[in-house]
Amino acid sequence: MRRLLPLVVLAALSGCGLKPIYGGGPGNAAVQGLAAIEVSQMPGRAGWLMSKALNDRLAAAGSDAARYRLDVRLDDELEGLGLLNDDTIGRERRTLRARYQLVELETGAILLDATAGSDAGIDVVSSEYATIAAEQSALERLTEEVADQIVTRVSLALRDAQ
């Protein structure tokens, strides 16, 4: 009976309609589409980090001639939250939101228009250097998270478009 259970589970999964995004390897539409995306320039430190994160993920798919352009607009906010007894801020929240569009270069058609975002909490400590370092680390982590969200959504759009 124990030997049949894995077979039953595999049979059930094969009929559920799930399709892997990158199934089929380099010949897959999503993989080929990701390799053909160029990322537009973004201003500021957050823009540089996001461009780097997106290009790292897209370069993993290989490099084809650009057929698509990914336009990203970032909104990076840092707000103070908790007030201490001496009216100083004890906690901050850094929020990174991205509005992005996948544009087909040949026709100028917008294939995807979506948003992604994430936030992180930061403890404000007595050392100003440590607080600034924590804010920068939070921005780096947030750009990685948001870049993952963007690439996943773009992969789904490219797979579904084919």
C-alpha atoms as a PDB file:
ATOM      1  CA  MET A   1       0.000   0.000   0.000  1.00  0.00           C
ATOM      2  CA  ARG A   2       2.837   2.411   0.846  1.00  0.00           C
ATOM      3  CA  ARG A   3       4.344   1.884  -2.588  1.00  0.00           C
ATOM      4  CA  LEU A   4       1.109   2.804  -4.317  1.00  0.00           C
ATOM      5  CA  LEU A   5       0.650   6.096  -2.461  1.00  0.00           C
ATOM      6  CA  PRO A   6       3.381   8.003  -4.384  1.00  0.00           C
ATOM      7  CA  LEU A   7       1.975   6.762  -7.672  1.00  0.00           C
ATOM      8  CA  VAL A   8      -1.522   7.902  -6.729  1.00  0.00           C
ATOM      9  CA  VAL A   9      -0.197  11.323  -5.714  1.00  0.00           C
ATOM     10  CA  LEU A  10       1.739  11.702  -8.990  1.00  0.00           C
ATOM     11  CA  ALA A  11      -1.311  10.689 -11.006  1.00  0.00           C
ATOM     12  CA  ALA A  12      -3.441  13.249  -9.154  1.00  0.00           C
ATOM     13  CA  LEU A  13      -0.899  16.022  -9.743  1.00  0.00           C
ATOM     14  CA  SER A  14      -0.625  15.299 -13.444  1.00  0.00           C
ATOM     15  CA  GLY A  15      -4.356  15.888 -13.841  1.00  0.00           C
ATOM     16  CA  CYS A  16      -4.552  19.128 -11.836  1.00  0.00           C
ATOM     17  CA  GLY A  17      -3.686  21.432 -14.734  1.00  0.00           C
ATOM     18  CA  LEU A  18      -0.475  22.857 -13.262  1.00  0.00           C
ATOM     19  CA  LYS A  19       2.127  23.733 -15.869  1.00  0.00           C
ATOM     20  CA  PRO A  20       5.706  24.613 -14.953  1.00  0.00           C
ATOM     21  CA  ILE A  21       6.733  28.074 -16.117  1.00  0.00           C
ATOM     22  CA  TYR A  22      10.160  26.990 -17.291  1.00  0.00           C
ATOM     23  CA  GLY A  23       9.255  23.423 -18.306  1.00  0.00           C
ATOM     24  CA  GLY A  24      10.980  22.299 -21.486  1.00  0.00           C
ATOM     25  CA  GLY A  25      14.259  24.104 -20.816  1.00  0.00           C
ATOM     26  CA  PRO A  26      15.777  26.605 -23.264  1.00  0.00           C
ATOM     27  CA  GLY A  27      13.076  26.000 -25.892  1.00  0.00           C
ATOM     28  CA  ASN A  28      10.336  27.185 -23.544  1.00  0.00           C
ATOM     29  CA  ALA A  29       8.496  30.390 -24.536  1.00  0.00           C
ATOM     30  CA  ALA A  30       9.003  31.992 -21.119  1.00  0.00           C
ATOM     31  CA  VAL A  31      12.757  31.276 -21.136  1.00  0.00           C
ATOM     32  CA  GLN A  32      13.183  32.611 -24.669  1.00  0.00           C
ATOM     33  CA  GLY A  33      11.074  35.660 -23.826  1.00  0.00           C
ATOM     34  CA  LEU A  34      13.070  36.459 -20.694  1.00  0.00           C
ATOM     35  CA  ALA A  35      16.301  36.267 -22.682  1.00  0.00           C
ATOM     36  CA  ALA A  36      14.912  38.881 -25.088  1.00  0.00           C
ATOM     37  CA  ILE A  37      14.079  41.589 -22.517  1.00  0.00           C
ATOM     38  CA  GLU A  38      16.035  44.786 -22.047  1.00  0.00           C
ATOM     39  CA  VAL A  39      15.534  46.748 -18.835  1.00  0.00           C
ATOM     40  CA  SER A  40      15.145  50.513 -19.160  1.00  0.00           C
ATOM     41  CA  GLN A  41      17.257  52.814 -16.981  1.00  0.00           C
ATOM     42  CA  MET A  42      15.912  53.909 -13.581  1.00  0.00           C
ATOM     43  CA  PRO A  43      17.161  56.897 -11.580  1.00  0.00           C
ATOM     44  CA  GLY A  44      18.650  56.800  -8.089  1.00  0.00           C
ATOM     45  CA  ARG A  45      20.161  54.149  -5.873  1.00  0.00           C
ATOM     46  CA  ALA A  46      16.939  52.133  -5.768  1.00  0.00           C
ATOM     47  CA  GLY A  47      16.821  52.273  -9.576  1.00  0.00           C
ATOM     48  CA  TRP A  48      20.394  51.072  -9.894  1.00  0.00           C
ATOM     49  CA  LEU A  49      19.769  48.196  -7.478  1.00  0.00           C
ATOM     50  CA  MET A  50      16.553  47.224  -9.294  1.00  0.00           C
ATOM     51  CA  SER A  51      18.215  47.342 -12.726  1.00  0.00           C
ATOM     52  CA  LYS A  52      21.028  45.156 -11.444  1.00  0.00           C
ATOM     53  CA  ALA A  53      18.640  42.652  -9.824  1.00  0.00           C
ATOM     54  CA  LEU A  54      16.443  42.401 -12.926  1.00  0.00           C
ATOM     55  CA  ASN A  55      19.388  42.083 -15.306  1.00  0.00           C
ATOM     56  CA  ASP A  56      20.901  39.336 -13.122  1.00  0.00           C
ATOM     57  CA  ARG A  57      17.678  37.342 -13.298  1.00  0.00           C
ATOM     58  CA  LEU A  58      17.111  37.922 -16.996  1.00  0.00           C
ATOM     59  CA  ALA A  59      20.732  37.118 -17.907  1.00  0.00           C
ATOM     60  CA  ALA A  60      20.252  33.664 -16.386  1.00  0.00           C
ATOM     61  CA  ALA A  61      17.888  32.917 -19.276  1.00  0.00           C
ATOM     62  CA  GLY A  62      20.633  33.619 -21.846  1.00  0.00           C
ATOM     63  CA  SER A  63      20.818  36.535 -24.228  1.00  0.00           C
ATOM     64  CA  ASP A  64      18.842  36.974 -27.414  1.00  0.00           C
ATOM     65  CA  ALA A  65      18.238  40.056 -29.500  1.00  0.00           C
ATOM     66  CA  ALA A  66      15.901  42.364 -27.582  1.00  0.00           C
ATOM     67  CA  ARG A  67      12.230  41.913 -28.514  1.00  0.00           C
ATOM     68  CA  TYR A  68      10.803  43.436 -25.339  1.00  0.00           C
ATOM     69  CA  ARG A  69      11.535  46.369 -23.052  1.00  0.00           C
ATOM     70  CA  LEU A  70      10.734  46.394 -19.355  1.00  0.00           C
ATOM     71  CA  ASP A  71       9.884  49.896 -18.094  1.00  0.00           C
ATOM     72  CA  VAL A  72       9.888  50.193 -14.298  1.00  0.00           C
ATOM     73  CA  ARG A  73       8.953  53.168 -12.128  1.00  0.00           C
ATOM     74  CA  LEU A  74       9.894  52.894  -8.461  1.00  0.00           C
ATOM     75  CA  ASP A  75       8.390  54.469  -5.365  1.00  0.00           C
ATOM     76  CA  ASP A  76      10.713  54.155  -2.361  1.00  0.00           C
ATOM     77  CA  GLU A  77       9.342  55.464   0.943  1.00  0.00           C
ATOM     78  CA  LEU A  78      10.825  55.534   4.419  1.00  0.00           C
ATOM     79  CA  GLU A  79       8.449  56.462   7.235  1.00  0.00           C
ATOM     80  CA  GLY A  80       8.853  56.679  10.979  1.00  0.00           C
ATOM     81  CA  LEU A  81       6.446  54.593  13.020  1.00  0.00           C
ATOM     82  CA  GLY A  82       6.998  54.119  16.735  1.00  0.00           C
ATOM     83  CA  LEU A  83       7.581  57.081  19.022  1.00  0.00           C
ATOM     84  CA  LEU A  84       9.591  56.576  22.172  1.00  0.00           C
ATOM     85  CA  ASN A  85       9.102  58.411  25.495  1.00  0.00           C
ATOM     86  CA  ASP A  86      11.523  61.146  24.429  1.00  0.00           C
ATOM     87  CA  ASP A  87       9.571  61.777  21.162  1.00  0.00           C
ATOM     88  CA  THR A  88      12.185  60.101  18.964  1.00  0.00           C
ATOM     89  CA  ILE A  89      11.360  57.543  16.325  1.00  0.00           C
ATOM     90  CA  GLY A  90      12.025  53.973  17.443  1.00  0.00           C
ATOM     91  CA  ARG A  91      10.940  52.085  14.313  1.00  0.00           C
ATOM     92  CA  GLU A  92      10.799  52.806  10.585  1.00  0.00           C
ATOM     93  CA  ARG A  93       9.136  51.106   7.669  1.00  0.00           C
ATOM     94  CA  ARG A  94      10.726  51.097   4.229  1.00  0.00           C
ATOM     95  CA  THR A  95       8.314  50.429   1.376  1.00  0.00           C
ATOM     96  CA  LEU A  96       9.355  49.758  -2.207  1.00  0.00           C
ATOM     97  CA  ARG A  97       6.679  49.683  -4.913  1.00  0.00           C
ATOM     98  CA  ALA A  98       7.247  49.177  -8.622  1.00  0.00           C
ATOM     99  CA  ARG A  99       4.908  49.863 -11.495  1.00  0.00           C
ATOM    100  CA  TYR A 100       6.173  48.054 -14.561  1.00  0.00           C
ATOM    101  CA  GLN A 101       5.212  47.551 -18.182  1.00  0.00           C
ATOM    102  CA  LEU A 102       6.428  44.943 -20.630  1.00  0.00           C
ATOM    103  CA  VAL A 103       6.500  46.554 -24.066  1.00  0.00           C
ATOM    104  CA  GLU A 104       6.933  44.703 -27.353  1.00  0.00           C
ATOM    105  CA  LEU A 105       9.563  46.682 -29.273  1.00  0.00           C
ATOM    106  CA  GLU A 106       8.324  45.831 -32.763  1.00  0.00           C
ATOM    107  CA  THR A 107       4.752  47.044 -32.296  1.00  0.00           C
ATOM    108  CA  GLY A 108       4.974  49.187 -29.160  1.00  0.00           C
ATOM    109  CA  ALA A 109       2.149  47.141 -27.636  1.00  0.00           C
ATOM    110  CA  ILE A 110       2.019  46.879 -23.856  1.00  0.00           C
ATOM    111  CA  LEU A 111       1.862  43.175 -23.052  1.00  0.00           C
ATOM    112  CA  LEU A 112       1.797  43.576 -19.280  1.00  0.00           C
ATOM    113  CA  ASP A 113       1.032  46.493 -16.978  1.00  0.00           C
ATOM    114  CA  ALA A 114       1.293  45.556 -13.291  1.00  0.00           C
ATOM    115  CA  THR A 115       2.653  46.480  -9.899  1.00  0.00           C
ATOM    116  CA  ALA A 116       4.811  44.739  -7.322  1.00  0.00           C
ATOM    117  CA  GLY A 117       5.949  45.732  -3.888  1.00  0.00           C
ATOM    118  CA  SER A 118       7.227  44.818  -0.484  1.00  0.00           C
ATOM    119  CA  ASP A 119       8.099  46.461   2.812  1.00  0.00           C
ATOM    120  CA  ALA A 120      10.492  45.976   5.688  1.00  0.00           C
ATOM    121  CA  GLY A 121      10.640  47.121   9.291  1.00  0.00           C
ATOM    122  CA  ILE A 122      13.775  48.787  10.648  1.00  0.00           C
ATOM    123  CA  ASP A 123      14.738  49.382  14.288  1.00  0.00           C
ATOM    124  CA  VAL A 124      16.130  52.853  14.888  1.00  0.00           C
ATOM    125  CA  VAL A 125      19.042  52.579  17.303  1.00  0.00           C
ATOM    126  CA  SER A 126      21.239  55.153  19.037  1.00  0.00           C
ATOM    127  CA  SER A 127      23.972  54.780  16.417  1.00  0.00           C
ATOM    128  CA  GLU A 128      23.085  56.840  13.355  1.00  0.00           C
ATOM    129  CA  TYR A 129      25.542  54.808  11.264  1.00  0.00           C
ATOM    130  CA  ALA A 130      23.831  51.548  12.238  1.00  0.00           C
ATOM    131  CA  THR A 131      20.411  52.966  11.367  1.00  0.00           C
ATOM    132  CA  ILE A 132      21.604  54.150   7.945  1.00  0.00           C
ATOM    133  CA  ALA A 133      23.220  50.760   7.304  1.00  0.00           C
ATOM    134  CA  ALA A 134      19.951  49.020   8.259  1.00  0.00           C
ATOM    135  CA  GLU A 135      17.994  51.298   5.904  1.00  0.00           C
ATOM    136  CA  GLN A 136      20.374  50.494   3.032  1.00  0.00           C
ATOM    137  CA  SER A 137      20.261  46.756   3.765  1.00  0.00           C
ATOM    138  CA  ALA A 138      16.473  46.889   3.784  1.00  0.00           C
ATOM    139  CA  LEU A 139      16.497  48.602   0.378  1.00  0.00           C
ATOM    140  CA  GLU A 140      18.798  45.918  -1.030  1.00  0.00           C
ATOM    141  CA  ARG A 141      16.559  43.110   0.265  1.00  0.00           C
ATOM    142  CA  LEU A 142      13.423  44.825  -0.991  1.00  0.00           C
ATOM    143  CA  THR A 143      14.807  45.257  -4.509  1.00  0.00           C
ATOM    144  CA  GLU A 144      15.620  41.532  -4.610  1.00  0.00           C
ATOM    145  CA  GLU A 145      12.089  40.608  -3.474  1.00  0.00           C
ATOM    146  CA  VAL A 146      10.377  42.981  -5.904  1.00  0.00           C
ATOM    147  CA  ALA A 147      12.634  41.871  -8.791  1.00  0.00           C
ATOM    148  CA  ASP A 148      11.624  38.257  -8.091  1.00  0.00           C
ATOM    149  CA  GLN A 149       7.949  39.258  -8.188  1.00  0.00           C
ATOM    150  CA  ILE A 150       8.415  41.124 -11.481  1.00  0.00           C
ATOM    151  CA  VAL A 151      10.303  38.310 -13.214  1.00  0.00           C
ATOM    152  CA  THR A 152       7.747  35.730 -12.088  1.00  0.00           C
ATOM    153  CA  ARG A 153       4.826  37.817 -13.376  1.00  0.00           C
ATOM    154  CA  VAL A 154       6.617  38.579 -16.655  1.00  0.00           C
ATOM    155  CA  SER A 155       7.391  34.862 -17.093  1.00  0.00           C
ATOM    156  CA  LEU A 156       3.726  34.004 -16.682  1.00  0.00           C
ATOM    157  CA  ALA A 157       2.694  36.684 -19.161  1.00  0.00           C
ATOM    158  CA  LEU A 158       5.215  35.466 -21.748  1.00  0.00           C
ATOM    159  CA  ARG A 159       4.192  31.836 -21.286  1.00  0.00           C
ATOM    160  CA  ASP A 160       0.504  32.671 -21.624  1.00  0.00           C
ATOM    161  CA  ALA A 161       1.096  34.892 -24.674  1.00  0.00           C
ATOM    162  CA  GLN A 162       2.614  32.013 -26.639  1.00  0.00           C
END
